[in-house]
C-alpha atoms as a PDB file:
ATOM      1  CA  MET A   1      -9.446 -23.083  19.667  1.00  0.00           C
ATOM      2  CA  ALA A   2      -7.776 -25.863  20.962  1.00  0.00           C
ATOM      3  CA  ASP A   3      -4.481 -25.831  22.581  1.00  0.00           C
ATOM      4  CA  VAL A   4      -1.537 -26.918  20.175  1.00  0.00           C
ATOM      5  CA  VAL A   5       1.587 -26.000  21.839  1.00  0.00           C
ATOM      6  CA  SER A   6       2.300 -25.351  25.697  1.00  0.00           C
ATOM      7  CA  LEU A   7       5.376 -27.093  26.058  1.00  0.00           C
ATOM      8  CA  LYS A   8       8.694 -26.623  24.650  1.00  0.00           C
ATOM      9  CA  ALA A   9      10.396 -29.862  23.191  1.00  0.00           C
ATOM     10  CA  ASP A  10      12.262 -30.448  26.547  1.00  0.00           C
ATOM     11  CA  GLY A  11       9.132 -30.281  28.691  1.00  0.00           C
ATOM     12  CA  ALA A  12       9.974 -27.482  30.087  1.00  0.00           C
ATOM     13  CA  PRO A  13       6.804 -24.386  29.901  1.00  0.00           C
ATOM     14  CA  SER A  14       7.009 -22.647  26.723  1.00  0.00           C
ATOM     15  CA  PRO A  15       6.903 -19.226  26.816  1.00  0.00           C
ATOM     16  CA  LEU A  16       4.170 -19.125  24.622  1.00  0.00           C
ATOM     17  CA  ILE A  17       0.593 -20.951  24.083  1.00  0.00           C
ATOM     18  CA  ILE A  18      -0.372 -21.599  20.800  1.00  0.00           C
ATOM     19  CA  GLU A  19      -4.024 -21.947  19.387  1.00  0.00           C
ATOM     20  CA  GLU A  20      -4.898 -21.810  15.912  1.00  0.00           C
ATOM     21  CA  ALA A  21      -8.614 -22.483  14.546  1.00  0.00           C
ATOM     22  CA  ASP A  22     -10.496 -21.024  11.641  1.00  0.00           C
ATOM     23  CA  GLY A  23      -7.592 -19.273  10.321  1.00  0.00           C
ATOM     24  CA  ILE A  24      -6.835 -16.992  13.615  1.00  0.00           C
ATOM     25  CA  LEU A  25      -3.665 -17.949  15.516  1.00  0.00           C
ATOM     26  CA  ARG A  26      -3.906 -16.868  19.316  1.00  0.00           C
ATOM     27  CA  LEU A  27      -0.580 -16.373  20.786  1.00  0.00           C
ATOM     28  CA  THR A  28      -0.485 -16.480  24.554  1.00  0.00           C
ATOM     29  CA  LEU A  29       2.445 -14.916  26.832  1.00  0.00           C
ATOM     30  CA  ASN A  30       3.090 -17.671  29.052  1.00  0.00           C
ATOM     31  CA  SER A  31       5.433 -16.246  31.671  1.00  0.00           C
ATOM     32  CA  PRO A  32       3.543 -14.966  34.491  1.00  0.00           C
ATOM     33  CA  PRO A  33       3.285 -13.241  36.679  1.00  0.00           C
ATOM     34  CA  ALA A  34       5.552 -10.370  34.556  1.00  0.00           C
ATOM     35  CA  ASN A  35       5.367 -11.716  30.922  1.00  0.00           C
ATOM     36  CA  ALA A  36       8.194  -9.897  30.496  1.00  0.00           C
ATOM     37  CA  LEU A  37      10.277  -9.630  27.583  1.00  0.00           C
ATOM     38  CA  SER A  38      12.843 -11.979  27.891  1.00  0.00           C
ATOM     39  CA  ILE A  39      15.338 -12.826  25.218  1.00  0.00           C
ATOM     40  CA  ALA A  40      14.089 -16.287  24.940  1.00  0.00           C
ATOM     41  CA  MET A  41      10.065 -14.464  25.266  1.00  0.00           C
ATOM     42  CA  MET A  42      11.020 -12.483  22.536  1.00  0.00           C
ATOM     43  CA  GLU A  43      12.550 -14.807  19.860  1.00  0.00           C
ATOM     44  CA  THR A  44       9.904 -17.404  20.463  1.00  0.00           C
ATOM     45  CA  LEU A  45       6.844 -14.735  19.444  1.00  0.00           C
ATOM     46  CA  LYS A  46       9.214 -13.434  16.617  1.00  0.00           C
ATOM     47  CA  ALA A  47       9.358 -17.124  15.089  1.00  0.00           C
ATOM     48  CA  GLU A  48       5.975 -17.900  15.877  1.00  0.00           C
ATOM     49  CA  ILE A  49       4.746 -14.372  13.899  1.00  0.00           C
ATOM     50  CA  LEU A  50       7.298 -14.921  10.926  1.00  0.00           C
ATOM     51  CA  ARG A  51       5.841 -18.308  10.586  1.00  0.00           C
ATOM     52  CA  ALA A  52       2.447 -17.105  10.914  1.00  0.00           C
ATOM     53  CA  GLY A  53       3.055 -14.213   7.935  1.00  0.00           C
ATOM     54  CA  ALA A  54       3.936 -17.111   5.917  1.00  0.00           C
ATOM     55  CA  ASP A  55       1.156 -19.591   6.498  1.00  0.00           C
ATOM     56  CA  LYS A  56      -1.662 -19.501   3.980  1.00  0.00           C
ATOM     57  CA  ALA A  57      -3.942 -20.919   6.559  1.00  0.00           C
ATOM     58  CA  VAL A  58      -3.340 -18.175   9.051  1.00  0.00           C
ATOM     59  CA  ARG A  59      -5.401 -14.909   8.382  1.00  0.00           C
ATOM     60  CA  VAL A  60      -5.686 -12.938  11.943  1.00  0.00           C
ATOM     61  CA  ILE A  61      -2.764 -13.239  14.840  1.00  0.00           C
ATOM     62  CA  ILE A  62      -4.071 -12.460  18.350  1.00  0.00           C
ATOM     63  CA  LEU A  63      -1.344 -11.524  20.778  1.00  0.00           C
ATOM     64  CA  ALA A  64      -3.144 -12.193  24.588  1.00  0.00           C
ATOM     65  CA  ALA A  65      -1.282 -13.432  28.149  1.00  0.00           C
ATOM     66  CA  ARG A  66      -1.873 -14.842  31.172  1.00  0.00           C
ATOM     67  CA  GLY A  67      -2.269 -13.772  34.308  1.00  0.00           C
ATOM     68  CA  LYS A  68      -2.879  -9.981  35.656  1.00  0.00           C
ATOM     69  CA  VAL A  69      -0.023  -8.511  33.734  1.00  0.00           C
ATOM     70  CA  PHE A  70      -0.252  -8.128  29.805  1.00  0.00           C
ATOM     71  CA  CYS A  71       3.818  -7.292  29.600  1.00  0.00           C
ATOM     72  CA  ALA A  72       6.045  -5.487  32.181  1.00  0.00           C
ATOM     73  CA  GLY A  73       8.246  -4.732  29.535  1.00  0.00           C
ATOM     74  CA  HIS A  74      11.771  -6.147  29.057  1.00  0.00           C
ATOM     75  CA  ASP A  75      13.219  -8.447  31.755  1.00  0.00           C
ATOM     76  CA  LEU A  76      15.199  -6.423  34.171  1.00  0.00           C
ATOM     77  CA  LYS A  77      16.494  -9.265  36.409  1.00  0.00           C
ATOM     78  CA  GLU A  78      18.009 -10.784  33.070  1.00  0.00           C
ATOM     79  CA  MET A  79      19.361  -7.879  31.947  1.00  0.00           C
ATOM     80  CA  THR A  80      21.228  -6.407  35.829  1.00  0.00           C
ATOM     81  CA  ALA A  81      22.551  -9.973  35.580  1.00  0.00           C
ATOM     82  CA  HIS A  82      24.639  -9.193  32.818  1.00  0.00           C
ATOM     83  CA  ARG A  83      26.237  -6.003  34.263  1.00  0.00           C
ATOM     84  CA  ALA A  84      28.402  -8.440  35.952  1.00  0.00           C
ATOM     85  CA  ASP A  85      30.021  -8.960  32.031  1.00  0.00           C
ATOM     86  CA  ALA A  86      33.266  -7.522  31.323  1.00  0.00           C
ATOM     87  CA  ASP A  87      31.683  -4.396  29.261  1.00  0.00           C
ATOM     88  CA  ARG A  88      29.217  -4.206  32.451  1.00  0.00           C
ATOM     89  CA  GLY A  89      26.318  -5.609  30.122  1.00  0.00           C
ATOM     90  CA  ARG A  90      26.784  -3.455  26.811  1.00  0.00           C
ATOM     91  CA  ALA A  91      26.526  -6.300  24.342  1.00  0.00           C
ATOM     92  CA  PHE A  92      23.772  -7.826  26.137  1.00  0.00           C
ATOM     93  CA  PHE A  93      22.010  -4.856  26.175  1.00  0.00           C
ATOM     94  CA  GLU A  94      22.412  -4.140  22.143  1.00  0.00           C
ATOM     95  CA  LYS A  95      21.211  -7.733  21.527  1.00  0.00           C
ATOM     96  CA  THR A  96      17.967  -7.150  24.139  1.00  0.00           C
ATOM     97  CA  PHE A  97      16.840  -4.122  22.332  1.00  0.00           C
ATOM     98  CA  ALA A  98      18.067  -4.900  18.958  1.00  0.00           C
ATOM     99  CA  LEU A  99      15.642  -8.118  18.988  1.00  0.00           C
ATOM    100  CA  CYS A 100      12.990  -6.205  20.679  1.00  0.00           C
ATOM    101  CA  ALA A 101      13.223  -3.965  17.649  1.00  0.00           C
ATOM    102  CA  ASP A 102      13.304  -6.719  15.479  1.00  0.00           C
ATOM    103  CA  LEU A 103      10.137  -7.929  16.850  1.00  0.00           C
ATOM    104  CA  MET A 104       8.493  -4.765  16.668  1.00  0.00           C
ATOM    105  CA  LEU A 105       8.984  -5.005  13.047  1.00  0.00           C
ATOM    106  CA  THR A 106       8.195  -8.166  12.373  1.00  0.00           C
ATOM    107  CA  ILE A 107       5.183  -7.214  13.765  1.00  0.00           C
ATOM    108  CA  THR A 108       4.188  -4.569  11.812  1.00  0.00           C
ATOM    109  CA  HIS A 109       5.909  -6.331   8.391  1.00  0.00           C
ATOM    110  CA  CYS A 110       3.808  -9.287   9.036  1.00  0.00           C
ATOM    111  CA  PRO A 111       0.909  -9.503   6.351  1.00  0.00           C
ATOM    112  CA  LYS A 112      -1.506 -10.850   8.697  1.00  0.00           C
ATOM    113  CA  PRO A 113      -3.214  -8.067  10.870  1.00  0.00           C
ATOM    114  CA  VAL A 114      -2.345  -8.278  14.786  1.00  0.00           C
ATOM    115  CA  ILE A 115      -4.629  -7.745  17.456  1.00  0.00           C
ATOM    116  CA  ALA A 116      -3.516  -6.971  21.110  1.00  0.00           C
ATOM    117  CA  GLU A 117      -5.990  -8.364  23.754  1.00  0.00           C
ATOM    118  CA  ILE A 118      -5.009  -6.535  27.047  1.00  0.00           C
ATOM    119  CA  GLU A 119      -6.255  -7.870  30.563  1.00  0.00           C
ATOM    120  CA  GLY A 120      -4.167  -6.090  33.338  1.00  0.00           C
ATOM    121  CA  LEU A 121      -0.870  -3.646  33.173  1.00  0.00           C
ATOM    122  CA  ALA A 122       1.233  -3.375  29.609  1.00  0.00           C
ATOM    123  CA  THR A 123       4.124  -0.983  30.512  1.00  0.00           C
ATOM    124  CA  ALA A 124       7.263   0.024  29.236  1.00  0.00           C
ATOM    125  CA  ALA A 125       8.148  -2.365  25.999  1.00  0.00           C
ATOM    126  CA  GLY A 126       4.875  -4.174  27.037  1.00  0.00           C
ATOM    127  CA  CYS A 127       2.936  -1.143  26.028  1.00  0.00           C
ATOM    128  CA  GLN A 128       5.272  -0.807  23.064  1.00  0.00           C
ATOM    129  CA  LEU A 129       3.719  -4.362  22.057  1.00  0.00           C
ATOM    130  CA  VAL A 130       0.482  -2.989  22.608  1.00  0.00           C
ATOM    131  CA  ALA A 131       1.328   0.251  20.463  1.00  0.00           C
ATOM    132  CA  THR A 132       2.952  -1.842  17.407  1.00  0.00           C
ATOM    133  CA  CYS A 133      -0.018  -4.079  17.533  1.00  0.00           C
ATOM    134  CA  ASP A 134      -2.753  -3.005  14.270  1.00  0.00           C
ATOM    135  CA  LEU A 135      -5.497  -2.960  16.857  1.00  0.00           C
ATOM    136  CA  ALA A 136      -6.172  -3.016  20.670  1.00  0.00           C
ATOM    137  CA  ILE A 137      -8.546  -4.455  22.406  1.00  0.00           C
ATOM    138  CA  CYS A 138      -8.672  -4.070  26.328  1.00  0.00           C
ATOM    139  CA  THR A 139     -10.943  -4.392  29.418  1.00  0.00           C
ATOM    140  CA  ASP A 140     -12.147  -1.524  31.298  1.00  0.00           C
ATOM    141  CA  LYS A 141      -9.216  -2.296  34.012  1.00  0.00           C
ATOM    142  CA  ALA A 142      -6.277  -2.395  31.800  1.00  0.00           C
ATOM    143  CA  THR A 143      -3.505   0.065  32.395  1.00  0.00           C
ATOM    144  CA  PHE A 144      -0.926   1.788  30.396  1.00  0.00           C
ATOM    145  CA  CYS A 145       2.422   3.407  31.324  1.00  0.00           C
ATOM    146  CA  THR A 146       6.573   4.047  29.712  1.00  0.00           C
ATOM    147  CA  PRO A 147       7.577   4.105  33.190  1.00  0.00           C
ATOM    148  CA  GLY A 148      11.220   4.188  32.348  1.00  0.00           C
ATOM    149  CA  VAL A 149      11.784   7.796  33.784  1.00  0.00           C
ATOM    150  CA  ASN A 150      10.761   6.906  37.179  1.00  0.00           C
ATOM    151  CA  ILE A 151      14.006   4.404  37.303  1.00  0.00           C
ATOM    152  CA  GLY A 152      16.772   6.502  35.542  1.00  0.00           C
ATOM    153  CA  LEU A 153      16.095   4.694  31.678  1.00  0.00           C
ATOM    154  CA  PHE A 154      13.973   7.001  29.386  1.00  0.00           C
ATOM    155  CA  CYS A 155      11.496   4.361  27.776  1.00  0.00           C
ATOM    156  CA  SER A 156      13.400   5.637  23.997  1.00  0.00           C
ATOM    157  CA  THR A 157      12.558   2.107  22.206  1.00  0.00           C
ATOM    158  CA  PRO A 158       8.954   2.003  23.252  1.00  0.00           C
ATOM    159  CA  MET A 159       8.725   5.643  22.587  1.00  0.00           C
ATOM    160  CA  VAL A 160       8.758   4.653  18.833  1.00  0.00           C
ATOM    161  CA  ALA A 161       5.768   2.609  18.906  1.00  0.00           C
ATOM    162  CA  VAL A 162       3.716   5.071  21.512  1.00  0.00           C
ATOM    163  CA  SER A 163       4.545   8.125  19.825  1.00  0.00           C
ATOM    164  CA  ARG A 164       3.114   6.738  16.560  1.00  0.00           C
ATOM    165  CA  ALA A 165      -0.158   5.264  18.080  1.00  0.00           C
ATOM    166  CA  ALA A 166      -1.166   7.565  20.596  1.00  0.00           C
ATOM    167  CA  HIS A 167      -1.446  11.902  19.779  1.00  0.00           C
ATOM    168  CA  ARG A 168       1.941  13.550  20.267  1.00  0.00           C
ATOM    169  CA  LYS A 169       1.411  15.830  23.773  1.00  0.00           C
ATOM    170  CA  GLN A 170      -0.098  12.657  25.241  1.00  0.00           C
ATOM    171  CA  ALA A 171       2.535  10.478  24.484  1.00  0.00           C
ATOM    172  CA  MET A 172       4.796  12.928  25.799  1.00  0.00           C
ATOM    173  CA  GLU A 173       2.417  13.299  28.468  1.00  0.00           C
ATOM    174  CA  MET A 174       3.157   9.202  29.447  1.00  0.00           C
ATOM    175  CA  LEU A 175       6.945   9.412  28.639  1.00  0.00           C
ATOM    176  CA  LEU A 176       7.627  12.516  30.950  1.00  0.00           C
ATOM    177  CA  THR A 177       5.918  11.774  33.661  1.00  0.00           C
ATOM    178  CA  GLY A 178       5.979   7.971  33.992  1.00  0.00           C
ATOM    179  CA  GLU A 179       2.558   7.686  35.348  1.00  0.00           C
ATOM    180  CA  THR A 180      -0.023   5.227  34.745  1.00  0.00           C
ATOM    181  CA  ILE A 181      -3.064   5.609  32.992  1.00  0.00           C
ATOM    182  CA  ASP A 182      -6.240   3.733  32.841  1.00  0.00           C
ATOM    183  CA  ALA A 183      -8.016   2.420  29.478  1.00  0.00           C
ATOM    184  CA  SER A 184      -9.927   5.425  29.365  1.00  0.00           C
ATOM    185  CA  ASN A 185      -7.160   7.724  28.701  1.00  0.00           C
ATOM    186  CA  ALA A 186      -5.372   4.883  26.536  1.00  0.00           C
ATOM    187  CA  LYS A 187      -8.569   4.935  24.259  1.00  0.00           C
ATOM    188  CA  ASP A 188      -8.406   9.041  24.598  1.00  0.00           C
ATOM    189  CA  PHE A 189      -4.919   8.941  23.720  1.00  0.00           C
ATOM    190  CA  GLY A 190      -5.161   6.588  20.562  1.00  0.00           C
ATOM    191  CA  LEU A 191      -3.532   3.419  22.220  1.00  0.00           C
ATOM    192  CA  VAL A 192      -6.407   0.948  22.155  1.00  0.00           C
ATOM    193  CA  ASN A 193      -9.220   0.864  19.681  1.00  0.00           C
ATOM    194  CA  ARG A 194     -12.412  -0.565  22.182  1.00  0.00           C
ATOM    195  CA  ILE A 195     -12.824  -1.150  26.066  1.00  0.00           C
ATOM    196  CA  VAL A 196     -14.837  -3.845  27.179  1.00  0.00           C
ATOM    197  CA  PRO A 197     -15.729  -5.801  30.510  1.00  0.00           C
ATOM    198  CA  LYS A 198     -13.798  -8.412  31.221  1.00  0.00           C
ATOM    199  CA  GLU A 199     -16.132 -11.169  30.971  1.00  0.00           C
ATOM    200  CA  TYR A 200     -16.082 -10.249  27.113  1.00  0.00           C
ATOM    201  CA  LEU A 201     -12.803  -9.867  26.573  1.00  0.00           C
ATOM    202  CA  ARG A 202     -12.149 -12.316  24.245  1.00  0.00           C
ATOM    203  CA  GLN A 203     -15.515 -12.882  22.417  1.00  0.00           C
ATOM    204  CA  VAL A 204     -15.147  -9.155  21.401  1.00  0.00           C
ATOM    205  CA  VAL A 205     -11.606  -9.785  20.106  1.00  0.00           C
ATOM    206  CA  ASP A 206     -12.666 -13.463  18.967  1.00  0.00           C
ATOM    207  CA  LYS A 207     -15.442 -11.817  16.760  1.00  0.00           C
ATOM    208  CA  TYR A 208     -12.886  -8.662  15.313  1.00  0.00           C
ATOM    209  CA  ALA A 209     -10.691 -11.673  14.210  1.00  0.00           C
ATOM    210  CA  ALA A 210     -13.395 -13.655  12.786  1.00  0.00           C
ATOM    211  CA  VAL A 211     -14.539 -10.580  10.869  1.00  0.00           C
ATOM    212  CA  ILE A 212     -11.081  -9.363   9.393  1.00  0.00           C
ATOM    213  CA  ALA A 213     -10.098 -13.059   8.378  1.00  0.00           C
ATOM    214  CA  SER A 214     -13.817 -13.816   6.496  1.00  0.00           C
ATOM    215  CA  LYS A 215     -12.128 -10.785   3.939  1.00  0.00           C
ATOM    216  CA  SER A 216      -9.218 -11.709   1.192  1.00  0.00           C
ATOM    217  CA  PRO A 217      -5.972 -12.429   2.454  1.00  0.00           C
ATOM    218  CA  LEU A 218      -4.518 -10.915  -0.685  1.00  0.00           C
ATOM    219  CA  THR A 219      -6.717  -7.147   0.134  1.00  0.00           C
ATOM    220  CA  LEU A 220      -5.237  -7.472   4.028  1.00  0.00           C
ATOM    221  CA  LYS A 221      -1.639  -7.956   2.989  1.00  0.00           C
ATOM    222  CA  ILE A 222      -2.187  -4.893   0.216  1.00  0.00           C
ATOM    223  CA  GLY A 223      -3.418  -3.024   2.624  1.00  0.00           C
ATOM    224  CA  LYS A 224      -1.579  -2.967   5.856  1.00  0.00           C
ATOM    225  CA  GLU A 225       2.000  -2.568   3.885  1.00  0.00           C
ATOM    226  CA  ALA A 226       0.126   0.641   2.066  1.00  0.00           C
ATOM    227  CA  PHE A 227      -1.152   1.656   5.410  1.00  0.00           C
ATOM    228  CA  TYR A 228       2.464   1.631   7.304  1.00  0.00           C
ATOM    229  CA  ARG A 229       4.272   2.384   4.012  1.00  0.00           C
ATOM    230  CA  GLN A 230       2.319   6.226   3.555  1.00  0.00           C
ATOM    231  CA  ILE A 231       1.978   6.756   7.016  1.00  0.00           C
ATOM    232  CA  ASP A 232       4.830   9.019   6.885  1.00  0.00           C
ATOM    233  CA  MET A 233       5.331   9.996   3.573  1.00  0.00           C
ATOM    234  CA  PRO A 234       3.903  13.443   2.284  1.00  0.00           C
ATOM    235  CA  LEU A 235       0.273  13.933   1.330  1.00  0.00           C
ATOM    236  CA  GLU A 236       1.480  14.354  -2.619  1.00  0.00           C
ATOM    237  CA  GLU A 237       3.830  11.003  -2.513  1.00  0.00           C
ATOM    238  CA  ALA A 238       1.178   9.182  -0.324  1.00  0.00           C
ATOM    239  CA  TYR A 239      -1.756   9.829  -2.853  1.00  0.00           C
ATOM    240  CA  ALA A 240       0.498   8.746  -5.694  1.00  0.00           C
ATOM    241  CA  TYR A 241       1.798   5.812  -3.942  1.00  0.00           C
ATOM    242  CA  THR A 242      -1.838   4.116  -3.333  1.00  0.00           C
ATOM    243  CA  GLY A 243      -2.932   5.235  -6.507  1.00  0.00           C
ATOM    244  CA  ARG A 244      -0.420   2.780  -7.690  1.00  0.00           C
ATOM    245  CA  VAL A 245      -1.473   0.113  -5.110  1.00  0.00           C
ATOM    246  CA  MET A 246      -4.819   0.156  -5.711  1.00  0.00           C
ATOM    247  CA  THR A 247      -3.949   0.058  -9.484  1.00  0.00           C
ATOM    248  CA  GLU A 248      -2.225  -3.034  -8.829  1.00  0.00           C
ATOM    249  CA  ASN A 249      -4.835  -4.256  -6.188  1.00  0.00           C
ATOM    250  CA  MET A 250      -7.385  -3.801  -8.635  1.00  0.00           C
ATOM    251  CA  LEU A 251      -5.831  -6.091 -11.144  1.00  0.00           C
ATOM    252  CA  ALA A 252      -6.225  -8.897  -8.493  1.00  0.00           C
ATOM    253  CA  ARG A 253      -8.467 -12.072  -8.822  1.00  0.00           C
ATOM    254  CA  ASP A 254      -9.657 -11.423  -5.255  1.00  0.00           C
ATOM    255  CA  ALA A 255     -10.964  -8.229  -6.306  1.00  0.00           C
ATOM    256  CA  GLU A 256     -12.344  -8.747  -9.618  1.00  0.00           C
ATOM    257  CA  GLU A 257     -13.994 -11.617  -7.770  1.00  0.00           C
ATOM    258  CA  GLY A 258     -15.418  -9.208  -5.038  1.00  0.00           C
ATOM    259  CA  ILE A 259     -16.215  -6.592  -6.879  1.00  0.00           C
ATOM    260  CA  GLY A 260     -18.101  -8.985  -8.805  1.00  0.00           C
ATOM    261  CA  ALA A 261     -19.975 -10.579  -6.244  1.00  0.00           C
ATOM    262  CA  PHE A 262     -21.055  -7.496  -5.051  1.00  0.00           C
ATOM    263  CA  LEU A 263     -22.537  -6.317  -8.183  1.00  0.00           C
ATOM    264  CA  ASP A 264     -23.988 -10.188  -8.348  1.00  0.00           C
ATOM    265  CA  LYS A 265     -25.640  -9.398  -4.510  1.00  0.00           C
ATOM    266  CA  ARG A 266     -23.693 -12.858  -3.787  1.00  0.00           C
ATOM    267  CA  HIS A 267     -20.771 -13.623  -1.354  1.00  0.00           C
ATOM    268  CA  PRO A 268     -17.397 -13.866  -2.488  1.00  0.00           C
ATOM    269  CA  GLU A 269     -15.358 -16.625  -2.952  1.00  0.00           C
ATOM    270  CA  TRP A 270     -11.600 -15.497  -1.825  1.00  0.00           C
ATOM    271  CA  THR A 271      -8.487 -17.702  -3.360  1.00  0.00           C
ATOM    272  CA  GLY A 272      -5.748 -15.103  -2.110  1.00  0.00           C
ATOM    273  CA  GLU A 273      -4.694 -14.002  -5.729  1.00  0.00           C
END
């Protein structure tokens, strides 16, 4: 993949390195060593995901990071600086957490699948970012934690994503102890899909992305939206809803083409309709 954007218009380093090729958009957090979710990082990341969601050329999004830390969560230095404000930082804290929620919802509502590629530590809101992505693939040296309880700040907003990705008891274990878990435990907990050696991480993630990018973009959009809508519904409501979704999906041209190609033993040609 070719490097498309790594500098801002004023020549300063961008919070993101942006690469795009063959329907795959790679967004690399570019603020080591912490790759913290500062206001600038969250705004840039949200804008790029919104852009990709509307771009027909993009089929899959990968979130990666430079350095030894995938993401250390919110920028505590940036937040602490606002304690000197007249309101002791309340307005800035509200802005930070609201923007973070918007970013996570943007990932969830994005019609394109989002894959997290994790090397190193994902902590607090960084762990939230991993848990929010549709898929997560990490190295065998990656670690994860929600350590807010250790500094008097419970990881309440990371809890939303972590408790929906990990099993309930394991999520509570992470939140209450603040202890770091290794890649093996993260997979057992349900936070990641696969663990691979560091030297193969990008290769494996790119392969997953390429496989997904080969599918009908309309079908991926329908499926991702339906997955997140049905998951918290009562069983009967979920079946009724997904039955309606499948009926509409069946009427789409891509479903007609895909089924026809399967019966004819040929490769389908997707139109996204």
